[in-house]
């Protein structure tokens, strides 16, 4: 007696082939049915568009930022409010300054300036502190012709940052105290020589527009002269360095780098102005070149 035949389970390719053959058979059966029904039915069957079903993958989940958005700083709006508030008068609530102030602080009382009071020149934000969610304290400086007054103002900001309300009357506060300055790190005095000459020539070109700035720069360094020219003449008063290499009479080996601070005086049509610059210089080909310029804590290359 012959052994029974055991069929292997169909593979994925076999299943696809089986489905294709079954679709063809069903299509043929439909065509024969249409032919048996009549030409009109056959024409209608041919006119029906084929329908394709495409499996769609699940939409990718929206990405969420792990970092919280920075809270909106209302200092600009508060500055505008204080400007309007100081120019307003409670006896003229319909004036433009009063309406501007009321728009930001509907519950804050307006001042009553005396006749002939000093005119406000401008208001500048000097400090803003984020207290709690949506709550801020902004300090502004109100500048008059001969004095400056400081005001601290509470404000609330909406979650979206597009709505600001001043929640209290401005408080007159003293000027900020002066912080103790740290001693200078530049302790090495640099005598007259190649380095001070390079610094003087560079700052002259940089501030007066006399000469090309690029001729004093190290490769890969890009600096633009102050435009329009800010000075007619520049004097170098003091140069101090971090490294002793800046004091040598001869330019050291190529690649030597030093950091200096130059105190200069710019002579202009409106007077003499003391200026200070921090520079990094590198040696190349027997000369010093400017590699970096720092002014006011910002670095330029």
C-alpha atoms as a PDB file:
ATOM      1  CA  UNK A   1       0.000   0.000   0.000  1.00  0.00           C
ATOM      2  CA  UNK A   2       1.547   3.344  -1.054  1.00  0.00           C
ATOM      3  CA  UNK A   3       2.356   5.827   1.701  1.00  0.00           C
ATOM      4  CA  UNK A   4       0.031   8.849   1.916  1.00  0.00           C
ATOM      5  CA  UNK A   5       1.338  12.039   0.354  1.00  0.00           C
ATOM      6  CA  UNK A   6       1.778  14.946   2.773  1.00  0.00           C
ATOM      7  CA  UNK A   7       1.644  18.414   1.186  1.00  0.00           C
ATOM      8  CA  UNK A   8       4.062  21.048   2.434  1.00  0.00           C
ATOM      9  CA  UNK A   9       2.469  24.213   3.823  1.00  0.00           C
ATOM     10  CA  UNK A  10       2.292  26.975   1.222  1.00  0.00           C
ATOM     11  CA  UNK A  11       5.010  29.591   1.276  1.00  0.00           C
ATOM     12  CA  UNK A  12       4.420  33.361   1.097  1.00  0.00           C
ATOM     13  CA  UNK A  13       5.295  33.325  -2.577  1.00  0.00           C
ATOM     14  CA  UNK A  14       2.932  30.405  -3.112  1.00  0.00           C
ATOM     15  CA  UNK A  15       0.103  32.262  -1.367  1.00  0.00           C
ATOM     16  CA  UNK A  16       0.679  35.350  -3.569  1.00  0.00           C
ATOM     17  CA  UNK A  17       0.608  33.166  -6.696  1.00  0.00           C
ATOM     18  CA  UNK A  18      -2.552  31.436  -5.466  1.00  0.00           C
ATOM     19  CA  UNK A  19      -4.273  34.779  -4.856  1.00  0.00           C
ATOM     20  CA  UNK A  20      -3.230  36.031  -8.303  1.00  0.00           C
ATOM     21  CA  UNK A  21      -4.590  32.932 -10.030  1.00  0.00           C
ATOM     22  CA  UNK A  22      -7.812  33.158  -8.042  1.00  0.00           C
ATOM     23  CA  UNK A  23      -8.185  36.845  -9.056  1.00  0.00           C
ATOM     24  CA  UNK A  24      -7.658  35.946 -12.717  1.00  0.00           C
ATOM     25  CA  UNK A  25     -10.233  33.140 -12.471  1.00  0.00           C
ATOM     26  CA  UNK A  26     -12.766  35.475 -10.854  1.00  0.00           C
ATOM     27  CA  UNK A  27     -12.102  38.100 -13.506  1.00  0.00           C
ATOM     28  CA  UNK A  28     -12.676  35.576 -16.281  1.00  0.00           C
ATOM     29  CA  UNK A  29     -15.840  34.376 -14.599  1.00  0.00           C
ATOM     30  CA  UNK A  30     -17.104  37.964 -14.477  1.00  0.00           C
ATOM     31  CA  UNK A  31     -16.380  38.515 -18.142  1.00  0.00           C
ATOM     32  CA  UNK A  32     -18.195  35.292 -19.137  1.00  0.00           C
ATOM     33  CA  UNK A  33     -21.141  36.308 -16.968  1.00  0.00           C
ATOM     34  CA  UNK A  34     -21.301  39.658 -18.734  1.00  0.00           C
ATOM     35  CA  UNK A  35     -21.128  38.011 -22.144  1.00  0.00           C
ATOM     36  CA  UNK A  36     -23.967  35.694 -21.227  1.00  0.00           C
ATOM     37  CA  UNK A  37     -26.042  38.621 -19.956  1.00  0.00           C
ATOM     38  CA  UNK A  38     -25.557  40.774 -23.004  1.00  0.00           C
ATOM     39  CA  UNK A  39     -23.329  43.326 -24.711  1.00  0.00           C
ATOM     40  CA  UNK A  40     -24.612  46.199 -22.562  1.00  0.00           C
ATOM     41  CA  UNK A  41     -23.620  44.482 -19.357  1.00  0.00           C
ATOM     42  CA  UNK A  42     -20.229  43.605 -20.852  1.00  0.00           C
ATOM     43  CA  UNK A  43     -19.621  47.259 -21.771  1.00  0.00           C
ATOM     44  CA  UNK A  44     -20.611  48.359 -18.273  1.00  0.00           C
ATOM     45  CA  UNK A  45     -18.164  45.898 -16.706  1.00  0.00           C
ATOM     46  CA  UNK A  46     -15.312  47.158 -18.858  1.00  0.00           C
ATOM     47  CA  UNK A  47     -16.178  50.771 -17.932  1.00  0.00           C
ATOM     48  CA  UNK A  48     -15.874  50.179 -14.169  1.00  0.00           C
ATOM     49  CA  UNK A  49     -12.522  51.467 -12.848  1.00  0.00           C
ATOM     50  CA  UNK A  50     -10.242  49.018 -11.145  1.00  0.00           C
ATOM     51  CA  UNK A  51     -10.052  49.481  -7.387  1.00  0.00           C
ATOM     52  CA  UNK A  52      -6.727  49.128  -5.619  1.00  0.00           C
ATOM     53  CA  UNK A  53      -6.578  48.876  -1.854  1.00  0.00           C
ATOM     54  CA  UNK A  54      -3.323  50.164  -0.359  1.00  0.00           C
ATOM     55  CA  UNK A  55      -2.471  49.318   3.216  1.00  0.00           C
ATOM     56  CA  UNK A  56      -1.509  52.469   5.135  1.00  0.00           C
ATOM     57  CA  UNK A  57       0.921  52.453   7.994  1.00  0.00           C
ATOM     58  CA  UNK A  58      -0.059  54.051  11.267  1.00  0.00           C
ATOM     59  CA  UNK A  59       0.813  57.759  11.453  1.00  0.00           C
ATOM     60  CA  UNK A  60       4.060  58.529  13.228  1.00  0.00           C
ATOM     61  CA  UNK A  61       3.566  60.001  16.673  1.00  0.00           C
ATOM     62  CA  UNK A  62       4.069  63.738  16.873  1.00  0.00           C
ATOM     63  CA  UNK A  63       7.430  64.736  18.216  1.00  0.00           C
ATOM     64  CA  UNK A  64       7.435  66.690  21.420  1.00  0.00           C
ATOM     65  CA  UNK A  65      10.294  68.864  22.514  1.00  0.00           C
ATOM     66  CA  UNK A  66      11.831  67.879  25.807  1.00  0.00           C
ATOM     67  CA  UNK A  67      13.016  71.433  26.421  1.00  0.00           C
ATOM     68  CA  UNK A  68      10.366  73.786  27.741  1.00  0.00           C
ATOM     69  CA  UNK A  69       9.835  76.945  25.744  1.00  0.00           C
ATOM     70  CA  UNK A  70      11.489  80.008  27.239  1.00  0.00           C
ATOM     71  CA  UNK A  71       8.982  82.319  28.939  1.00  0.00           C
ATOM     72  CA  UNK A  72       8.142  85.494  27.043  1.00  0.00           C
ATOM     73  CA  UNK A  73       9.962  88.509  28.499  1.00  0.00           C
ATOM     74  CA  UNK A  74       7.535  91.483  28.788  1.00  0.00           C
ATOM     75  CA  UNK A  75      10.236  94.111  29.360  1.00  0.00           C
ATOM     76  CA  UNK A  76       9.603  95.840  26.021  1.00  0.00           C
ATOM     77  CA  UNK A  77       5.900  96.251  26.780  1.00  0.00           C
ATOM     78  CA  UNK A  78       6.620  97.412  30.328  1.00  0.00           C
ATOM     79  CA  UNK A  79       9.040 100.010  28.974  1.00  0.00           C
ATOM     80  CA  UNK A  80       6.320 101.295  26.655  1.00  0.00           C
ATOM     81  CA  UNK A  81       3.874 101.434  29.585  1.00  0.00           C
ATOM     82  CA  UNK A  82       6.239 103.420  31.839  1.00  0.00           C
ATOM     83  CA  UNK A  83       6.966 105.845  29.018  1.00  0.00           C
ATOM     84  CA  UNK A  84       3.232 106.467  28.560  1.00  0.00           C
ATOM     85  CA  UNK A  85       2.560 106.511  32.323  1.00  0.00           C
ATOM     86  CA  UNK A  86       5.198 109.165  33.006  1.00  0.00           C
ATOM     87  CA  UNK A  87       3.874 111.334  30.179  1.00  0.00           C
ATOM     88  CA  UNK A  88       0.232 110.959  31.214  1.00  0.00           C
ATOM     89  CA  UNK A  89      -1.926 113.103  33.492  1.00  0.00           C
ATOM     90  CA  UNK A  90      -4.812 111.901  35.646  1.00  0.00           C
ATOM     91  CA  UNK A  91      -6.591 115.147  34.821  1.00  0.00           C
ATOM     92  CA  UNK A  92      -6.495 114.271  31.104  1.00  0.00           C
ATOM     93  CA  UNK A  93      -7.521 110.591  30.967  1.00  0.00           C
ATOM     94  CA  UNK A  94      -8.422 110.847  27.282  1.00  0.00           C
ATOM     95  CA  UNK A  95      -4.956 112.000  26.192  1.00  0.00           C
ATOM     96  CA  UNK A  96      -2.856 109.710  24.018  1.00  0.00           C
ATOM     97  CA  UNK A  97      -0.285 108.899  26.759  1.00  0.00           C
ATOM     98  CA  UNK A  98      -3.044 108.140  29.279  1.00  0.00           C
ATOM     99  CA  UNK A  99      -4.857 105.830  26.867  1.00  0.00           C
ATOM    100  CA  UNK A 100      -1.588 104.017  26.122  1.00  0.00           C
ATOM    101  CA  UNK A 101      -0.902 103.528  29.811  1.00  0.00           C
ATOM    102  CA  UNK A 102      -4.459 102.371  30.569  1.00  0.00           C
ATOM    103  CA  UNK A 103      -4.278  99.814  27.786  1.00  0.00           C
ATOM    104  CA  UNK A 104      -1.429  98.036  29.608  1.00  0.00           C
ATOM    105  CA  UNK A 105      -2.630  98.732  33.173  1.00  0.00           C
ATOM    106  CA  UNK A 106      -6.373  99.408  33.417  1.00  0.00           C
ATOM    107  CA  UNK A 107      -6.311  99.320  37.237  1.00  0.00           C
ATOM    108  CA  UNK A 108      -3.234 101.481  37.811  1.00  0.00           C
ATOM    109  CA  UNK A 109      -3.665 105.103  38.858  1.00  0.00           C
ATOM    110  CA  UNK A 110      -2.187 107.814  36.642  1.00  0.00           C
ATOM    111  CA  UNK A 111       0.201 110.484  37.992  1.00  0.00           C
ATOM    112  CA  UNK A 112      -0.601 114.181  38.291  1.00  0.00           C
ATOM    113  CA  UNK A 113       2.489 116.104  37.136  1.00  0.00           C
ATOM    114  CA  UNK A 114       2.902 119.675  38.276  1.00  0.00           C
ATOM    115  CA  UNK A 115       2.921 122.527  35.815  1.00  0.00           C
ATOM    116  CA  UNK A 116       6.366 122.940  34.327  1.00  0.00           C
ATOM    117  CA  UNK A 117       7.551 119.445  35.357  1.00  0.00           C
ATOM    118  CA  UNK A 118      10.697 118.196  33.650  1.00  0.00           C
ATOM    119  CA  UNK A 119      10.032 116.466  30.353  1.00  0.00           C
ATOM    120  CA  UNK A 120      10.834 112.764  30.017  1.00  0.00           C
ATOM    121  CA  UNK A 121      13.432 111.976  27.368  1.00  0.00           C
ATOM    122  CA  UNK A 122      13.372 108.195  27.155  1.00  0.00           C
ATOM    123  CA  UNK A 123      12.814 104.952  29.081  1.00  0.00           C
ATOM    124  CA  UNK A 124      15.287 102.062  28.973  1.00  0.00           C
ATOM    125  CA  UNK A 125      14.935  98.542  30.378  1.00  0.00           C
ATOM    126  CA  UNK A 126      17.795  97.738  32.724  1.00  0.00           C
ATOM    127  CA  UNK A 127      16.643  94.487  34.354  1.00  0.00           C
ATOM    128  CA  UNK A 128      13.905  91.871  34.062  1.00  0.00           C
ATOM    129  CA  UNK A 129      13.337  89.007  36.509  1.00  0.00           C
ATOM    130  CA  UNK A 130      11.044  86.014  35.966  1.00  0.00           C
ATOM    131  CA  UNK A 131       9.482  85.409  39.391  1.00  0.00           C
ATOM    132  CA  UNK A 132       6.959  82.605  38.893  1.00  0.00           C
ATOM    133  CA  UNK A 133       4.964  81.278  35.994  1.00  0.00           C
ATOM    134  CA  UNK A 134       3.742  84.320  34.090  1.00  0.00           C
ATOM    135  CA  UNK A 135       4.899  86.785  36.772  1.00  0.00           C
ATOM    136  CA  UNK A 136       7.727  89.252  36.111  1.00  0.00           C
ATOM    137  CA  UNK A 137       9.413  92.215  37.732  1.00  0.00           C
ATOM    138  CA  UNK A 138      10.903  94.701  35.272  1.00  0.00           C
ATOM    139  CA  UNK A 139      13.159  97.611  36.241  1.00  0.00           C
ATOM    140  CA  UNK A 140      13.454 100.548  33.871  1.00  0.00           C
ATOM    141  CA  UNK A 141      15.490 103.750  33.836  1.00  0.00           C
ATOM    142  CA  UNK A 142      13.610 106.962  33.063  1.00  0.00           C
ATOM    143  CA  UNK A 143      16.014 109.536  31.704  1.00  0.00           C
ATOM    144  CA  UNK A 144      15.459 113.273  32.096  1.00  0.00           C
ATOM    145  CA  UNK A 145      17.706 116.123  31.004  1.00  0.00           C
ATOM    146  CA  UNK A 146      19.641 116.210  34.290  1.00  0.00           C
ATOM    147  CA  UNK A 147      18.744 113.009  36.131  1.00  0.00           C
ATOM    148  CA  UNK A 148      17.764 109.349  35.898  1.00  0.00           C
ATOM    149  CA  UNK A 149      14.981 107.674  37.878  1.00  0.00           C
ATOM    150  CA  UNK A 150      14.527 103.912  38.253  1.00  0.00           C
ATOM    151  CA  UNK A 151      11.136 102.180  38.481  1.00  0.00           C
ATOM    152  CA  UNK A 152      10.340  98.538  39.276  1.00  0.00           C
ATOM    153  CA  UNK A 153       7.129  97.347  37.641  1.00  0.00           C
ATOM    154  CA  UNK A 154       5.192  94.071  38.193  1.00  0.00           C
ATOM    155  CA  UNK A 155       3.695  92.425  35.111  1.00  0.00           C
ATOM    156  CA  UNK A 156       1.831  89.277  34.105  1.00  0.00           C
ATOM    157  CA  UNK A 157       2.291  87.525  30.763  1.00  0.00           C
ATOM    158  CA  UNK A 158      -0.112  85.053  29.168  1.00  0.00           C
ATOM    159  CA  UNK A 159       1.054  81.514  28.445  1.00  0.00           C
ATOM    160  CA  UNK A 160       1.277  82.312  24.727  1.00  0.00           C
ATOM    161  CA  UNK A 161       3.250  85.487  25.410  1.00  0.00           C
ATOM    162  CA  UNK A 162       0.966  87.705  23.314  1.00  0.00           C
ATOM    163  CA  UNK A 163      -0.856  89.400  26.217  1.00  0.00           C
ATOM    164  CA  UNK A 164       0.771  91.547  28.921  1.00  0.00           C
ATOM    165  CA  UNK A 165      -0.808  93.318  31.875  1.00  0.00           C
ATOM    166  CA  UNK A 166       0.928  95.619  34.325  1.00  0.00           C
ATOM    167  CA  UNK A 167      -0.488  94.498  37.658  1.00  0.00           C
ATOM    168  CA  UNK A 168       0.700  97.251  39.984  1.00  0.00           C
ATOM    169  CA  UNK A 169       1.749 100.869  40.191  1.00  0.00           C
ATOM    170  CA  UNK A 170       5.442 101.440  39.369  1.00  0.00           C
ATOM    171  CA  UNK A 171       7.721 101.615  42.409  1.00  0.00           C
ATOM    172  CA  UNK A 172      10.439 104.241  42.531  1.00  0.00           C
ATOM    173  CA  UNK A 173      13.681 102.418  43.463  1.00  0.00           C
ATOM    174  CA  UNK A 174      17.341 103.453  43.891  1.00  0.00           C
ATOM    175  CA  UNK A 175      19.949 103.043  41.190  1.00  0.00           C
ATOM    176  CA  UNK A 176      21.642  99.640  41.115  1.00  0.00           C
ATOM    177  CA  UNK A 177      24.721  99.321  43.276  1.00  0.00           C
ATOM    178  CA  UNK A 178      28.101  99.108  41.590  1.00  0.00           C
ATOM    179  CA  UNK A 179      29.626  95.631  41.685  1.00  0.00           C
ATOM    180  CA  UNK A 180      33.247  95.316  42.748  1.00  0.00           C
ATOM    181  CA  UNK A 181      35.431  94.928  39.680  1.00  0.00           C
ATOM    182  CA  UNK A 182      37.844  92.028  39.528  1.00  0.00           C
ATOM    183  CA  UNK A 183      41.538  92.854  39.211  1.00  0.00           C
ATOM    184  CA  UNK A 184      42.890  92.797  35.672  1.00  0.00           C
ATOM    185  CA  UNK A 185      44.444  89.560  34.496  1.00  0.00           C
ATOM    186  CA  UNK A 186      46.843  91.523  32.263  1.00  0.00           C
ATOM    187  CA  UNK A 187      49.760  92.014  34.644  1.00  0.00           C
ATOM    188  CA  UNK A 188      52.758  92.063  32.273  1.00  0.00           C
ATOM    189  CA  UNK A 189      53.727  95.552  31.063  1.00  0.00           C
ATOM    190  CA  UNK A 190      54.633  95.590  27.371  1.00  0.00           C
ATOM    191  CA  UNK A 191      57.329  98.138  26.418  1.00  0.00           C
ATOM    192  CA  UNK A 192      57.491  99.984  23.136  1.00  0.00           C
ATOM    193  CA  UNK A 193      58.522  97.657  20.352  1.00  0.00           C
ATOM    194  CA  UNK A 194      57.221  95.524  17.452  1.00  0.00           C
ATOM    195  CA  UNK A 195      54.108  94.390  19.315  1.00  0.00           C
ATOM    196  CA  UNK A 196      52.959  97.846  20.436  1.00  0.00           C
ATOM    197  CA  UNK A 197      53.703  99.176  16.960  1.00  0.00           C
ATOM    198  CA  UNK A 198      51.444  96.519  15.417  1.00  0.00           C
ATOM    199  CA  UNK A 199      48.675  97.236  17.906  1.00  0.00           C
ATOM    200  CA  UNK A 200      48.909 100.999  17.287  1.00  0.00           C
ATOM    201  CA  UNK A 201      48.940 100.674  13.494  1.00  0.00           C
ATOM    202  CA  UNK A 202      46.043  98.239  13.539  1.00  0.00           C
ATOM    203  CA  UNK A 203      43.827 100.373  15.830  1.00  0.00           C
ATOM    204  CA  UNK A 204      44.631 103.461  13.762  1.00  0.00           C
ATOM    205  CA  UNK A 205      43.454 101.707  10.598  1.00  0.00           C
ATOM    206  CA  UNK A 206      40.511 100.195  12.474  1.00  0.00           C
ATOM    207  CA  UNK A 207      39.201 103.484  13.906  1.00  0.00           C
ATOM    208  CA  UNK A 208      40.336 106.162  11.442  1.00  0.00           C
ATOM    209  CA  UNK A 209      40.012 104.341   8.133  1.00  0.00           C
ATOM    210  CA  UNK A 210      43.598 105.314   7.350  1.00  0.00           C
ATOM    211  CA  UNK A 211      45.273 102.295   5.792  1.00  0.00           C
ATOM    212  CA  UNK A 212      44.082  98.747   5.198  1.00  0.00           C
ATOM    213  CA  UNK A 213      43.004  96.684   8.205  1.00  0.00           C
ATOM    214  CA  UNK A 214      43.695  93.400   6.404  1.00  0.00           C
ATOM    215  CA  UNK A 215      47.464  93.971   6.231  1.00  0.00           C
ATOM    216  CA  UNK A 216      47.670  93.565  10.029  1.00  0.00           C
ATOM    217  CA  UNK A 217      45.556  90.404  10.280  1.00  0.00           C
ATOM    218  CA  UNK A 218      46.647  86.790  10.630  1.00  0.00           C
ATOM    219  CA  UNK A 219      45.434  84.270   8.020  1.00  0.00           C
ATOM    220  CA  UNK A 220      41.809  83.180   8.516  1.00  0.00           C
ATOM    221  CA  UNK A 221      41.085  86.359  10.505  1.00  0.00           C
ATOM    222  CA  UNK A 222      38.451  88.751   9.174  1.00  0.00           C
ATOM    223  CA  UNK A 223      37.773  92.199  10.638  1.00  0.00           C
ATOM    224  CA  UNK A 224      36.108  95.279   9.177  1.00  0.00           C
ATOM    225  CA  UNK A 225      37.106  98.829  10.030  1.00  0.00           C
ATOM    226  CA  UNK A 226      34.636 101.050  11.883  1.00  0.00           C
ATOM    227  CA  UNK A 227      32.532 102.828   9.250  1.00  0.00           C
ATOM    228  CA  UNK A 228      32.213 105.749   9.023  1.00  0.00           C
ATOM    229  CA  UNK A 229      35.595 106.470  10.557  1.00  0.00           C
ATOM    230  CA  UNK A 230      35.250 107.231  14.263  1.00  0.00           C
ATOM    231  CA  UNK A 231      38.503 109.067  14.918  1.00  0.00           C
ATOM    232  CA  UNK A 232      41.052 111.329  13.306  1.00  0.00           C
ATOM    233  CA  UNK A 233      43.968 110.003  15.341  1.00  0.00           C
ATOM    234  CA  UNK A 234      44.635 107.172  17.814  1.00  0.00           C
ATOM    235  CA  UNK A 235      47.227 107.126  20.586  1.00  0.00           C
ATOM    236  CA  UNK A 236      48.257 103.934  22.388  1.00  0.00           C
ATOM    237  CA  UNK A 237      48.588 104.737  26.087  1.00  0.00           C
ATOM    238  CA  UNK A 238      49.284 101.379  27.771  1.00  0.00           C
ATOM    239  CA  UNK A 239      49.646  97.779  26.578  1.00  0.00           C
ATOM    240  CA  UNK A 240      49.622  94.924  29.087  1.00  0.00           C
ATOM    241  CA  UNK A 241      49.839  91.190  28.406  1.00  0.00           C
ATOM    242  CA  UNK A 242      49.160  87.806  29.938  1.00  0.00           C
ATOM    243  CA  UNK A 243      52.403  86.259  28.663  1.00  0.00           C
ATOM    244  CA  UNK A 244      56.023  87.343  29.022  1.00  0.00           C
ATOM    245  CA  UNK A 245      56.569  86.544  25.329  1.00  0.00           C
ATOM    246  CA  UNK A 246      54.857  89.836  24.493  1.00  0.00           C
ATOM    247  CA  UNK A 247      57.735  91.812  26.030  1.00  0.00           C
ATOM    248  CA  UNK A 248      60.600  90.525  23.851  1.00  0.00           C
ATOM    249  CA  UNK A 249      62.395  93.039  21.658  1.00  0.00           C
ATOM    250  CA  UNK A 250      62.512  90.583  18.756  1.00  0.00           C
ATOM    251  CA  UNK A 251      59.457  88.772  17.404  1.00  0.00           C
ATOM    252  CA  UNK A 252      59.599  85.155  18.646  1.00  0.00           C
ATOM    253  CA  UNK A 253      59.275  81.972  16.580  1.00  0.00           C
ATOM    254  CA  UNK A 254      56.327  81.505  14.250  1.00  0.00           C
ATOM    255  CA  UNK A 255      53.126  80.416  15.977  1.00  0.00           C
ATOM    256  CA  UNK A 256      53.826  82.155  19.284  1.00  0.00           C
ATOM    257  CA  UNK A 257      50.555  83.541  20.611  1.00  0.00           C
ATOM    258  CA  UNK A 258      50.044  86.304  23.173  1.00  0.00           C
ATOM    259  CA  UNK A 259      47.006  88.048  24.657  1.00  0.00           C
ATOM    260  CA  UNK A 260      47.135  91.781  25.351  1.00  0.00           C
ATOM    261  CA  UNK A 261      44.947  94.634  26.512  1.00  0.00           C
ATOM    262  CA  UNK A 262      45.489  98.002  24.857  1.00  0.00           C
ATOM    263  CA  UNK A 263      44.333 101.267  26.415  1.00  0.00           C
ATOM    264  CA  UNK A 264      43.999 103.874  23.663  1.00  0.00           C
ATOM    265  CA  UNK A 265      42.798 107.450  23.184  1.00  0.00           C
ATOM    266  CA  UNK A 266      40.761 108.322  20.101  1.00  0.00           C
ATOM    267  CA  UNK A 267      40.907 111.957  18.983  1.00  0.00           C
ATOM    268  CA  UNK A 268      37.704 113.057  17.261  1.00  0.00           C
ATOM    269  CA  UNK A 269      36.076 116.314  16.228  1.00  0.00           C
ATOM    270  CA  UNK A 270      33.959 116.111  19.390  1.00  0.00           C
ATOM    271  CA  UNK A 271      36.793 115.444  21.815  1.00  0.00           C
ATOM    272  CA  UNK A 272      39.162 112.801  23.188  1.00  0.00           C
ATOM    273  CA  UNK A 273      37.745 109.387  24.089  1.00  0.00           C
ATOM    274  CA  UNK A 274      39.509 106.675  26.122  1.00  0.00           C
ATOM    275  CA  UNK A 275      38.990 103.191  24.636  1.00  0.00           C
ATOM    276  CA  UNK A 276      40.078  99.691  25.605  1.00  0.00           C
ATOM    277  CA  UNK A 277      40.598  96.599  23.447  1.00  0.00           C
ATOM    278  CA  UNK A 278      41.687  93.031  24.127  1.00  0.00           C
ATOM    279  CA  UNK A 279      43.643  91.427  21.305  1.00  0.00           C
ATOM    280  CA  UNK A 280      45.249  88.106  20.517  1.00  0.00           C
ATOM    281  CA  UNK A 281      48.400  88.284  18.378  1.00  0.00           C
ATOM    282  CA  UNK A 282      50.404  85.532  16.703  1.00  0.00           C
ATOM    283  CA  UNK A 283      53.898  85.665  15.298  1.00  0.00           C
ATOM    284  CA  UNK A 284      54.582  84.812  11.656  1.00  0.00           C
ATOM    285  CA  UNK A 285      57.519  85.626   9.416  1.00  0.00           C
ATOM    286  CA  UNK A 286      59.188  87.929  11.915  1.00  0.00           C
ATOM    287  CA  UNK A 287      56.124  90.082  12.569  1.00  0.00           C
ATOM    288  CA  UNK A 288      53.126  90.186  14.891  1.00  0.00           C
ATOM    289  CA  UNK A 289      49.638  89.740  13.400  1.00  0.00           C
ATOM    290  CA  UNK A 290      46.187  90.321  14.892  1.00  0.00           C
ATOM    291  CA  UNK A 291      44.369  86.998  15.328  1.00  0.00           C
ATOM    292  CA  UNK A 292      41.404  88.118  17.469  1.00  0.00           C
ATOM    293  CA  UNK A 293      39.844  91.350  18.689  1.00  0.00           C
ATOM    294  CA  UNK A 294      37.659  91.592  21.768  1.00  0.00           C
ATOM    295  CA  UNK A 295      35.730  94.715  22.657  1.00  0.00           C
ATOM    296  CA  UNK A 296      33.189  94.932  25.448  1.00  0.00           C
ATOM    297  CA  UNK A 297      33.357  91.207  26.151  1.00  0.00           C
ATOM    298  CA  UNK A 298      32.521  90.189  22.561  1.00  0.00           C
ATOM    299  CA  UNK A 299      35.060  88.366  20.461  1.00  0.00           C
ATOM    300  CA  UNK A 300      35.696  89.048  16.789  1.00  0.00           C
ATOM    301  CA  UNK A 301      37.810  86.938  14.461  1.00  0.00           C
END
